């Protein structure tokens, strides 16, 4: 039977322990269940596996760009600077936690389907890259919190928590989503939901008499910011230039130049410029890898979900709402970035010295997507004022929460990256704190957290979503009155103009 041990060891260590291979196998299984032909199964599995390898290559490029920036920030400010990028930290964690996170992802999706099938929470989360991000974060936190030798418990708890968070957050967000889309056919499955809910609430509180941001015409010159790769590269160029110039001013010349191994000040600045562009290149490669994985993995999951959960609402990525408020996206993005800068100042002046929280540098990717989404949600309930303030609040949230989450992630903060969106921050911190009492207490507390979230979401679904609550109803009434008054005024003007016309000759 030695041969069987050898075979099983080969499968476990060389195949199932490599996340790219495991994802390829999962994709193949899903495509087989959907009765795809052999060519589609093989091609889909290979593309999914290749996507994971591409993701790893991009992470290497980004890490090479972030390391010099981290050293520069540490040297200039004496504090830790972190750029929250979900794709980057996920790729970095794959080498150590890839196989476990793949199991958490697979079983978590199945648990989500069970919850969607047998509870009122009929949401099927289909934003595949956020599934991967959340599965990775939970795996990291649970692995550290539970300790060695409890991988089976980690996978079980991680799968339960992942399945729960994927059905409850679309439910909590759904009243605002329905307000934006005007129907109940789709939901949003994106782990920036706390920021979107906050934006909708802030818009409702502050924009009762504010017109829609869509009445504004933006200059064509700013529309290039909607390209996430360009926006990401530009943000990193600005950040690198600020800190390179700061370094030249604040540090002795020899010490500053040694950071980038530069011959003079000009070479130092251009080295920072190149590293900033390389960050954009790395993120573009990572995003391509993620899209390659999702292009095969999500259709397989989607087909299975449609058969298992009749009548389910697809919970899709946040850009789904962007067409409902193109101007609000840009307002929310810029406001979120502004909020991130101000929150960075608060971290540097107060929270870092007092509590040891890391400096969270504004990353264009989270600020563009979540800030843009927050702008749309704020605009739906509070017009242009809601879009601006909603995006601003989101920027503060996705700066402060990742700083708190770093206390839980521990050593991953040294890699100058962390999870950036709001739900990773509060959920990861909550789970991490619950594990501080030890494996037994932590396991019980995490199950209680999962139970409490499902119970609260079911109550919210029945009493708020299904009851038809409409956020921003007072503003809707004001807009209706304003439109009616405008129509009456135009009618009177038209009647006066007709009355002033000379009568036709007899």
Protein backbone atom coordinates (compact mmCIF):
# COMPACT_ATOMS: atom_id res chain seq x y z
CA UNK A 1 0.00 0.00 0.00
CA UNK A 2 3.03 2.26 -0.07
CA UNK A 3 2.14 3.27 -3.59
CA UNK A 4 -1.26 4.56 -2.37
CA UNK A 5 0.41 6.70 0.30
CA UNK A 6 2.75 8.10 -2.33
CA UNK A 7 -0.14 8.89 -4.68
CA UNK A 8 -2.23 10.53 -1.95
CA UNK A 9 0.76 12.54 -0.76
CA UNK A 10 1.41 13.68 -4.34
CA UNK A 11 -2.21 14.75 -4.80
CA UNK A 12 -2.33 16.54 -1.46
CA UNK A 13 1.02 18.32 -1.61
CA UNK A 14 1.58 18.91 -5.31
CA UNK A 15 -1.97 19.49 -6.58
CA UNK A 16 -4.47 20.36 -3.86
CA UNK A 17 -1.89 22.42 -2.00
CA UNK A 18 -1.38 24.67 -5.06
CA UNK A 19 -4.30 27.14 -5.16
CA UNK A 20 -4.10 27.65 -8.93
CA UNK A 21 -4.55 23.91 -9.53
CA UNK A 22 -7.32 23.69 -6.94
CA UNK A 23 -9.27 26.57 -8.51
CA UNK A 24 -8.85 24.92 -11.90
CA UNK A 25 -10.29 21.68 -10.52
CA UNK A 26 -13.23 23.54 -8.93
CA UNK A 27 -13.92 25.32 -12.21
CA UNK A 28 -13.80 22.05 -14.12
CA UNK A 29 -16.25 20.46 -11.66
CA UNK A 30 -18.67 23.35 -12.09
CA UNK A 31 -18.47 23.22 -15.88
CA UNK A 32 -19.02 19.46 -15.84
CA UNK A 33 -22.10 19.98 -13.66
CA UNK A 34 -23.36 22.44 -16.29
CA UNK A 35 -22.85 19.75 -18.95
CA UNK A 36 -20.25 21.66 -20.93
CA UNK A 37 -18.32 19.69 -23.53
CA UNK A 38 -14.82 18.39 -22.87
CA UNK A 39 -13.11 21.25 -24.71
CA UNK A 40 -14.95 23.87 -22.65
CA UNK A 41 -14.16 22.04 -19.41
CA UNK A 42 -10.43 21.72 -20.18
CA UNK A 43 -10.16 25.27 -21.51
CA UNK A 44 -12.06 26.77 -18.59
CA UNK A 45 -10.00 24.91 -16.00
CA UNK A 46 -6.71 25.91 -17.65
CA UNK A 47 -7.72 29.58 -17.93
CA UNK A 48 -8.77 29.68 -14.28
CA UNK A 49 -5.44 28.16 -13.19
CA UNK A 50 -3.47 30.48 -15.47
CA UNK A 51 -5.35 33.44 -14.02
CA UNK A 52 -4.12 32.55 -10.54
CA UNK A 53 -0.54 32.30 -11.76
CA UNK A 54 -0.89 35.68 -13.53
CA UNK A 55 -2.20 37.15 -10.29
CA UNK A 56 0.96 35.98 -8.54
CA UNK A 57 3.19 37.57 -11.19
CA UNK A 58 1.37 40.88 -10.78
CA UNK A 59 1.75 40.70 -7.02
CA UNK A 60 5.52 40.32 -7.43
CA UNK A 61 5.65 43.49 -9.55
CA UNK A 62 3.49 45.46 -7.12
CA UNK A 63 5.44 44.28 -4.09
CA UNK A 64 8.64 45.39 -5.80
CA UNK A 65 7.07 48.83 -6.25
CA UNK A 66 5.67 49.12 -2.74
CA UNK A 67 8.78 48.08 -0.83
CA UNK A 68 10.80 51.20 -1.76
CA UNK A 69 7.82 53.43 -0.95
CA UNK A 70 7.39 51.75 2.41
CA UNK A 71 11.06 52.30 3.24
CA UNK A 72 10.82 55.93 2.14
CA UNK A 73 7.75 56.61 4.27
CA UNK A 74 9.25 54.89 7.29
CA UNK A 75 12.45 56.89 6.93
CA UNK A 76 10.78 60.26 6.38
CA UNK A 77 7.94 60.02 8.88
CA UNK A 78 9.06 57.29 11.25
CA UNK A 79 5.62 55.67 10.82
CA UNK A 80 4.30 52.73 8.84
CA UNK A 81 2.64 53.54 5.55
CA UNK A 82 0.25 51.06 3.96
CA UNK A 83 -1.58 51.13 0.66
CA UNK A 84 -4.79 49.09 0.94
CA UNK A 85 -5.11 46.97 -2.19
CA UNK A 86 -7.23 43.84 -1.99
CA UNK A 87 -5.67 42.18 -5.03
CA UNK A 88 -2.16 42.67 -3.74
CA UNK A 89 -2.54 41.28 -0.24
CA UNK A 90 -4.63 38.39 -1.57
CA UNK A 91 -1.91 37.45 -4.02
CA UNK A 92 0.74 37.82 -1.32
CA UNK A 93 -1.18 35.52 1.02
CA UNK A 94 -1.69 32.79 -1.57
CA UNK A 95 1.73 31.18 -1.07
CA UNK A 96 1.12 30.48 2.63
CA UNK A 97 -2.65 30.24 2.82
CA UNK A 98 -3.71 29.55 -0.77
CA UNK A 99 -4.89 25.95 -0.40
CA UNK A 100 -6.85 26.64 2.81
CA UNK A 101 -8.49 29.74 1.35
CA UNK A 102 -9.51 27.74 -1.72
CA UNK A 103 -11.36 25.27 0.51
CA UNK A 104 -12.96 28.14 2.44
CA UNK A 105 -14.04 29.69 -0.85
CA UNK A 106 -15.58 26.48 -2.16
CA UNK A 107 -17.46 25.44 0.98
CA UNK A 108 -18.40 29.04 1.75
CA UNK A 109 -20.12 29.32 -1.61
CA UNK A 110 -22.07 26.13 -0.91
CA UNK A 111 -23.13 27.42 2.51
CA UNK A 112 -24.27 30.66 0.89
CA UNK A 113 -26.45 28.65 -1.50
CA UNK A 114 -27.98 26.75 1.41
CA UNK A 115 -28.77 29.98 3.26
CA UNK A 116 -30.22 31.52 0.10
CA UNK A 117 -32.30 28.40 -0.53
CA UNK A 118 -33.78 27.97 2.95
CA UNK A 119 -33.99 31.52 4.35
CA UNK A 120 -35.64 34.75 3.12
CA UNK A 121 -32.18 36.01 2.13
CA UNK A 122 -32.48 35.10 -1.56
CA UNK A 123 -29.17 36.64 -2.60
CA UNK A 124 -26.52 34.76 -4.58
CA UNK A 125 -23.22 36.58 -4.32
CA UNK A 126 -21.53 36.47 -7.73
CA UNK A 127 -18.70 38.97 -7.37
CA UNK A 128 -16.02 36.34 -7.61
CA UNK A 129 -12.95 38.40 -6.80
CA UNK A 130 -14.54 39.62 -3.56
CA UNK A 131 -15.31 36.01 -2.66
CA UNK A 132 -11.60 35.29 -3.10
CA UNK A 133 -10.58 38.37 -1.08
CA UNK A 134 -12.91 37.62 1.83
CA UNK A 135 -12.02 33.92 1.85
CA UNK A 136 -8.33 34.85 2.00
CA UNK A 137 -8.81 37.37 4.80
CA UNK A 138 -10.85 34.96 6.90
CA UNK A 139 -8.30 32.21 6.31
CA UNK A 140 -5.43 34.43 7.45
CA UNK A 141 -7.23 35.65 10.58
CA UNK A 142 -8.55 32.23 11.58
CA UNK A 143 -5.24 30.49 10.91
CA UNK A 144 -3.39 32.92 13.16
CA UNK A 145 -6.14 32.99 15.79
CA UNK A 146 -6.72 29.25 16.03
CA UNK A 147 -3.08 28.24 15.74
CA UNK A 148 -1.45 25.21 14.14
CA UNK A 149 -3.13 21.83 13.81
CA UNK A 150 -6.70 23.08 13.50
CA UNK A 151 -6.96 23.49 9.74
CA UNK A 152 -10.22 21.53 9.63
CA UNK A 153 -11.81 23.91 12.17
CA UNK A 154 -10.42 26.91 10.33
CA UNK A 155 -11.94 25.75 7.04
CA UNK A 156 -15.29 25.03 8.70
CA UNK A 157 -15.52 28.37 10.49
CA UNK A 158 -14.17 30.28 7.51
CA UNK A 159 -16.73 28.70 5.18
CA UNK A 160 -19.61 29.50 7.56
CA UNK A 161 -18.49 33.10 8.00
CA UNK A 162 -17.95 33.56 4.27
CA UNK A 163 -21.36 32.11 3.40
CA UNK A 164 -23.05 34.32 6.00
CA UNK A 165 -21.41 37.59 5.00
CA UNK A 166 -22.25 36.94 1.33
CA UNK A 167 -25.99 36.80 1.99
CA UNK A 168 -26.43 39.34 4.80
CA UNK A 169 -24.65 42.35 3.28
CA UNK A 170 -26.69 42.41 0.04
CA UNK A 171 -29.81 42.25 2.24
CA UNK A 172 -28.78 45.17 4.46
CA UNK A 173 -27.92 47.24 1.38
CA UNK A 174 -30.92 46.30 -0.73
CA UNK A 175 -33.36 49.17 0.10
CA UNK A 176 -30.82 51.66 -1.24
CA UNK A 177 -30.02 49.44 -4.22
CA UNK A 178 -33.69 49.26 -5.16
CA UNK A 179 -33.86 53.04 -4.91
CA UNK A 180 -31.04 53.35 -7.43
CA UNK A 181 -32.12 50.73 -9.95
CA UNK A 182 -35.85 51.32 -9.61
CA UNK A 183 -36.63 47.60 -9.39
CA UNK A 184 -36.02 44.47 -7.34
CA UNK A 185 -34.32 42.31 -9.94
CA UNK A 186 -30.67 42.65 -8.92
CA UNK A 187 -28.69 43.25 -5.74
CA UNK A 188 -25.16 44.41 -5.00
CA UNK A 189 -22.60 41.87 -3.85
CA UNK A 190 -19.55 43.93 -2.93
CA UNK A 191 -17.72 44.19 0.37
CA UNK A 192 -17.80 47.97 0.44
CA UNK A 193 -21.42 47.76 1.60
CA UNK A 194 -20.93 49.56 4.93
CA UNK A 195 -19.60 52.57 3.02
CA UNK A 196 -22.58 52.51 0.63
CA UNK A 197 -25.08 52.26 3.48
CA UNK A 198 -23.34 55.14 5.25
CA UNK A 199 -23.40 57.18 2.04
CA UNK A 200 -27.11 56.54 1.56
CA UNK A 201 -27.83 57.50 5.17
CA UNK A 202 -25.71 60.65 4.98
CA UNK A 203 -27.38 61.63 1.72
CA UNK A 204 -30.81 61.16 3.27
CA UNK A 205 -29.84 63.29 6.29
CA UNK A 206 -28.18 66.16 4.44
CA UNK A 207 -29.60 66.33 0.92
CA UNK A 208 -33.35 66.65 1.38
CA UNK A 209 -33.40 69.66 -0.96
CA UNK A 210 -30.48 68.85 -3.22
CA UNK A 211 -30.89 68.17 -6.93
CA UNK A 212 -29.34 65.17 -8.64
CA UNK A 213 -25.67 65.21 -9.53
CA UNK A 214 -26.70 64.07 -13.00
CA UNK A 215 -27.81 67.64 -13.75
CA UNK A 216 -24.12 68.65 -13.72
CA UNK A 217 -21.98 68.55 -16.86
CA UNK A 218 -18.33 67.69 -16.10
CA UNK A 219 -15.42 68.88 -18.26
CA UNK A 220 -14.22 66.28 -20.71
CA UNK A 221 -10.71 66.64 -19.29
CA UNK A 222 -11.61 64.84 -16.04
CA UNK A 223 -13.26 61.81 -17.58
CA UNK A 224 -9.94 60.00 -18.01
CA UNK A 225 -10.09 59.27 -14.27
CA UNK A 226 -12.76 56.67 -14.98
CA UNK A 227 -10.02 54.40 -16.34
CA UNK A 228 -8.98 52.61 -13.15
CA UNK A 229 -5.47 51.74 -14.44
CA UNK A 230 -4.77 55.38 -15.34
CA UNK A 231 -6.25 56.62 -12.06
CA UNK A 232 -4.23 54.10 -10.06
CA UNK A 233 -0.98 55.02 -11.79
CA UNK A 234 -1.66 58.73 -11.40
CA UNK A 235 -2.39 58.38 -7.69
CA UNK A 236 0.84 56.46 -7.14
CA UNK A 237 2.81 59.05 -9.11
CA UNK A 238 1.40 61.80 -6.89
CA UNK A 239 2.11 59.83 -3.70
CA UNK A 240 5.63 58.92 -4.80
CA UNK A 241 6.40 62.50 -5.85
CA UNK A 242 5.18 63.90 -2.54
CA UNK A 243 7.35 61.55 -0.51
CA UNK A 244 10.41 61.72 -2.78
CA UNK A 245 10.43 65.52 -2.62
CA UNK A 246 9.72 65.35 1.11
CA UNK A 247 12.64 62.95 1.48
CA UNK A 248 15.00 65.24 -0.39
CA UNK A 249 14.00 68.14 1.86
CA UNK A 250 13.82 66.36 5.23
CA UNK A 251 16.69 63.86 4.98
CA UNK A 252 20.40 64.28 4.54
CA UNK A 253 21.16 64.00 0.79
CA UNK A 254 23.27 60.86 1.11
CA UNK A 255 20.62 59.07 3.20
CA UNK A 256 17.82 60.02 0.82
CA UNK A 257 19.69 58.98 -2.34
CA UNK A 258 20.67 55.66 -0.77
CA UNK A 259 17.01 54.67 -0.44
CA UNK A 260 16.68 54.34 -4.24
CA UNK A 261 20.40 53.85 -4.92
CA UNK A 262 20.31 57.07 -6.95
CA UNK A 263 23.28 59.13 -8.11
CA UNK A 264 21.66 62.55 -7.70
CA UNK A 265 18.35 64.26 -6.88
CA UNK A 266 17.05 63.99 -10.45
CA UNK A 267 17.72 60.26 -10.57
CA UNK A 268 16.07 59.90 -7.15
CA UNK A 269 12.87 61.59 -8.31
CA UNK A 270 12.74 59.63 -11.57
CA UNK A 271 13.34 56.36 -9.71
CA UNK A 272 10.24 57.15 -7.64
CA UNK A 273 8.34 58.02 -10.82
CA UNK A 274 9.28 54.67 -12.38
CA UNK A 275 8.28 52.72 -9.26
CA UNK A 276 4.91 54.48 -9.27
CA UNK A 277 4.30 53.43 -12.88
CA UNK A 278 5.41 49.89 -12.09
CA UNK A 279 2.74 49.79 -9.40
CA UNK A 280 0.18 50.58 -12.09
CA UNK A 281 1.64 47.85 -14.30
CA UNK A 282 1.48 45.31 -11.47
CA UNK A 283 -2.11 46.16 -10.58
CA UNK A 284 -3.10 45.91 -14.25
CA UNK A 285 -1.52 42.44 -14.44
CA UNK A 286 -3.27 41.39 -11.22
CA UNK A 287 -6.63 42.65 -12.46
CA UNK A 288 -6.13 40.77 -15.72
CA UNK A 289 -5.38 37.62 -13.74
CA UNK A 290 -8.50 38.10 -11.62
CA UNK A 291 -10.65 38.69 -14.70
CA UNK A 292 -9.22 35.55 -16.30
CA UNK A 293 -10.14 33.49 -13.24
CA UNK A 294 -13.60 35.01 -12.96
CA UNK A 295 -14.34 34.59 -16.64
CA UNK A 296 -14.39 30.84 -16.04
CA UNK A 297 -15.13 30.45 -12.32
CA UNK A 298 -18.16 32.74 -12.01
CA UNK A 299 -20.16 31.25 -14.93
CA UNK A 300 -19.70 27.80 -13.40
CA UNK A 301 -20.89 29.05 -9.99
CA UNK A 302 -23.70 31.07 -11.56
CA UNK A 303 -25.12 28.11 -13.44
CA UNK A 304 -25.07 25.94 -10.32
CA UNK A 305 -26.67 28.70 -8.23
CA UNK A 306 -29.51 29.16 -10.72
CA UNK A 307 -30.41 25.48 -10.38
CA UNK A 308 -30.07 25.27 -6.61
CA UNK A 309 -31.78 28.55 -5.56
CA UNK A 310 -34.90 29.24 -7.64
CA UNK A 311 -36.01 32.87 -7.55
CA UNK A 312 -32.67 34.13 -6.21
CA UNK A 313 -31.44 37.66 -6.84
CA UNK A 314 -27.98 37.91 -8.35
CA UNK A 315 -25.74 40.06 -6.14
CA UNK A 316 -23.34 41.70 -8.59
CA UNK A 317 -20.27 43.93 -8.49
CA UNK A 318 -20.57 47.64 -7.61
CA UNK A 319 -19.94 48.99 -11.15
CA UNK A 320 -23.44 47.71 -11.96
CA UNK A 321 -24.82 50.92 -10.38
CA UNK A 322 -22.39 53.28 -12.15
CA UNK A 323 -24.65 53.84 -15.19
CA UNK A 324 -27.36 55.11 -12.82
CA UNK A 325 -25.17 58.07 -11.80
CA UNK A 326 -22.12 58.74 -13.99
CA UNK A 327 -21.55 62.21 -12.51
CA UNK A 328 -22.16 60.90 -9.00
CA UNK A 329 -19.40 58.33 -9.57
CA UNK A 330 -16.84 61.04 -10.27
CA UNK A 331 -18.05 63.24 -7.39
CA UNK A 332 -17.97 60.29 -5.01
CA UNK A 333 -14.52 59.23 -6.15
CA UNK A 334 -12.97 62.67 -5.68
CA UNK A 335 -14.78 63.20 -2.37
CA UNK A 336 -13.69 59.78 -1.11
CA UNK A 337 -10.08 60.52 -1.99
CA UNK A 338 -10.37 63.85 -0.13
CA UNK A 339 -11.82 62.07 2.88
CA UNK A 340 -8.95 59.59 2.73
CA UNK A 341 -6.39 62.38 2.77
CA UNK A 342 -8.01 64.05 5.77
CA UNK A 343 -8.28 60.72 7.59
CA UNK A 344 -4.61 60.11 6.79
CA UNK A 345 -3.83 63.40 8.51
CA UNK A 346 -5.83 62.31 11.56
CA UNK A 347 -3.91 59.03 11.63
CA UNK A 348 -0.56 60.79 11.36
CA UNK A 349 -1.28 63.50 13.94
CA UNK A 350 -3.32 61.57 16.51
CA UNK A 351 -4.18 57.90 15.98
CA UNK A 352 -0.69 56.71 15.03
CA UNK A 353 1.11 58.27 18.01
CA UNK A 354 -1.70 57.46 20.46
CA UNK A 355 -2.72 53.95 19.40
CA UNK A 356 -0.04 52.79 16.98
CA UNK A 357 -2.37 52.64 13.98
CA UNK A 358 -0.59 52.49 10.64
CA UNK A 359 -0.75 55.31 8.13
CA UNK A 360 -3.20 54.27 5.40
CA UNK A 361 -2.29 55.93 2.14
CA UNK A 362 -5.19 56.65 -0.24
CA UNK A 363 -5.25 54.00 -2.96
CA UNK A 364 -7.04 54.94 -6.14
CA UNK A 365 -8.52 51.48 -6.72
CA UNK A 366 -10.60 51.33 -3.51
CA UNK A 367 -11.40 55.05 -3.62
CA UNK A 368 -12.51 54.87 -7.24
CA UNK A 369 -14.74 51.82 -6.95
CA UNK A 370 -16.11 52.24 -3.44
CA UNK A 371 -16.04 56.04 -3.57
CA UNK A 372 -17.80 56.02 -6.91
CA UNK A 373 -20.37 53.56 -5.59
CA UNK A 374 -20.86 55.66 -2.45
CA UNK A 375 -21.44 58.68 -4.68
CA UNK A 376 -24.23 56.86 -6.51
CA UNK A 377 -25.86 55.75 -3.25
CA UNK A 378 -25.52 59.22 -1.72
CA UNK A 379 -26.93 60.82 -4.84
CA UNK A 380 -29.96 58.52 -4.81
CA UNK A 381 -31.06 59.81 -1.39
CA UNK A 382 -29.41 63.25 -1.21
CA UNK A 383 -28.58 64.50 -4.68
CA UNK A 384 -25.25 66.16 -5.38
CA UNK A 385 -24.79 67.01 -1.70
CA UNK A 386 -25.37 63.37 -0.81
CA UNK A 387 -22.91 62.24 -3.51
CA UNK A 388 -20.22 64.55 -2.15
CA UNK A 389 -20.72 63.89 1.56
CA UNK A 390 -21.43 60.19 1.03
CA UNK A 391 -18.18 59.76 -0.86
CA UNK A 392 -16.34 61.77 1.78
CA UNK A 393 -17.63 59.57 4.61
CA UNK A 394 -16.71 56.46 2.62
CA UNK A 395 -13.16 57.80 2.25
CA UNK A 396 -12.85 58.18 6.01
CA UNK A 397 -14.26 54.70 6.60
CA UNK A 398 -11.90 52.95 4.17
CA UNK A 399 -8.94 54.74 5.74
CA UNK A 400 -9.65 54.21 9.43
CA UNK A 401 -10.99 50.63 9.26
CA UNK A 402 -8.00 49.19 7.33
CA UNK A 403 -5.71 50.77 9.93
CA UNK A 404 -7.61 48.96 12.68
CA UNK A 405 -7.64 45.74 10.66
CA UNK A 406 -3.85 45.81 10.46
CA UNK A 407 -3.73 45.22 14.20
CA UNK A 408 -5.43 41.88 13.48
CA UNK A 409 -3.53 40.98 10.31
CA UNK A 410 -0.23 41.51 12.12
CA UNK A 411 2.70 40.60 9.93
CA UNK A 412 0.85 41.33 6.71
CA UNK A 413 1.13 45.02 7.54
CA UNK A 414 4.86 44.79 6.99
CA UNK A 415 4.19 44.10 3.30
CA UNK A 416 2.74 47.62 2.90
CA UNK A 417 -0.72 46.45 1.94
CA UNK A 418 -4.01 45.41 3.52
CA UNK A 419 -7.64 44.88 2.58
CA UNK A 420 -9.16 48.21 1.63
CA UNK A 421 -12.96 48.03 1.46
CA UNK A 422 -15.21 48.76 4.42
CA UNK A 423 -16.63 45.30 5.13
CA UNK A 424 -13.19 43.71 5.30
CA UNK A 425 -12.31 46.23 8.00
CA UNK A 426 -15.23 45.80 10.38
CA UNK A 427 -15.80 42.08 9.78
CA UNK A 428 -12.14 41.11 9.92
CA UNK A 429 -11.60 43.13 13.10
CA UNK A 430 -14.68 41.62 14.74
CA UNK A 431 -13.56 38.07 13.96
CA UNK A 432 -9.98 38.79 14.99
CA UNK A 433 -11.03 40.23 18.35
CA UNK A 434 -13.33 37.26 18.99
CA UNK A 435 -10.35 34.91 18.58
CA UNK A 436 -8.21 36.73 21.14
CA UNK A 437 -9.59 34.53 23.96
CA UNK A 438 -8.20 31.33 22.50
CA UNK A 439 -9.35 28.69 19.97
CA UNK A 440 -12.31 27.31 21.96
CA UNK A 441 -13.74 30.68 22.98
CA UNK A 442 -13.00 32.10 19.54
CA UNK A 443 -14.80 29.28 17.74
CA UNK A 444 -17.91 29.77 19.90
CA UNK A 445 -17.87 33.54 19.44
CA UNK A 446 -17.50 33.33 15.67
CA UNK A 447 -20.50 31.01 15.45
CA UNK A 448 -22.49 33.44 17.63
CA UNK A 449 -21.46 36.31 15.35
CA UNK A 450 -22.59 34.38 12.29
CA UNK A 451 -25.91 33.50 13.93
CA UNK A 452 -26.52 37.09 15.03
CA UNK A 453 -25.81 38.44 11.54
CA UNK A 454 -28.17 35.97 9.84
CA UNK A 455 -30.93 36.66 12.39
CA UNK A 456 -30.58 40.43 12.04
CA UNK A 457 -30.55 40.19 8.24
CA UNK A 458 -33.71 38.04 8.17
CA UNK A 459 -35.51 40.52 10.42
CA UNK A 460 -34.32 43.42 8.26
CA UNK A 461 -35.38 41.61 5.08
CA UNK A 462 -38.89 40.94 6.35
CA UNK A 463 -39.59 44.21 8.17
CA UNK A 464 -37.73 46.68 5.96
CA UNK A 465 -36.95 45.31 2.50
CA UNK A 466 -40.11 43.26 1.95
CA UNK A 467 -42.22 45.95 3.64
CA UNK A 468 -41.21 48.36 0.90
CA UNK A 469 -39.35 51.02 2.87
CA UNK A 470 -38.01 53.70 0.51
CA UNK A 471 -34.97 55.69 1.70
CA UNK A 472 -35.05 59.41 0.86
CA UNK A 473 -38.83 59.53 0.49
CA UNK A 474 -39.02 63.16 1.74
CA UNK A 475 -36.58 64.27 -0.92
CA UNK A 476 -38.61 62.41 -3.53
CA UNK A 477 -41.70 64.34 -2.43
CA UNK A 478 -39.77 67.64 -2.61
CA UNK A 479 -38.47 66.79 -6.08
CA UNK A 480 -42.01 65.92 -7.21
CA UNK A 481 -43.32 69.24 -5.86
CA UNK A 482 -40.45 71.14 -7.48
CA UNK A 483 -41.07 69.45 -10.80
CA UNK A 484 -44.79 70.15 -10.58
CA UNK A 485 -44.13 73.81 -9.76
CA UNK A 486 -41.68 74.04 -12.68
CA UNK A 487 -44.25 72.50 -15.02
CA UNK A 488 -46.92 74.96 -13.87
CA UNK A 489 -44.55 77.88 -14.32
CA UNK A 490 -43.71 76.77 -17.86
CA UNK A 491 -47.42 76.36 -18.63
CA UNK A 492 -48.18 79.89 -17.41
CA UNK A 493 -45.32 81.33 -19.46
CA UNK A 494 -46.58 79.48 -22.50
CA UNK A 495 -50.12 80.78 -21.94
CA UNK A 496 -48.85 84.37 -21.56
CA UNK A 497 -46.82 84.05 -24.75
CA UNK A 498 -49.89 82.82 -26.64
CA UNK A 499 -52.03 85.63 -25.21
CA UNK A 500 -49.53 88.27 -26.36
CA UNK A 501 -49.58 87.03 -29.93
CA UNK A 502 -51.74 89.23 -32.25
CA UNK A 503 -55.04 87.79 -33.33
CA UNK A 504 -55.12 86.48 -36.89
CA UNK A 505 -56.64 88.85 -39.44
CA UNK A 506 -60.30 88.28 -40.12
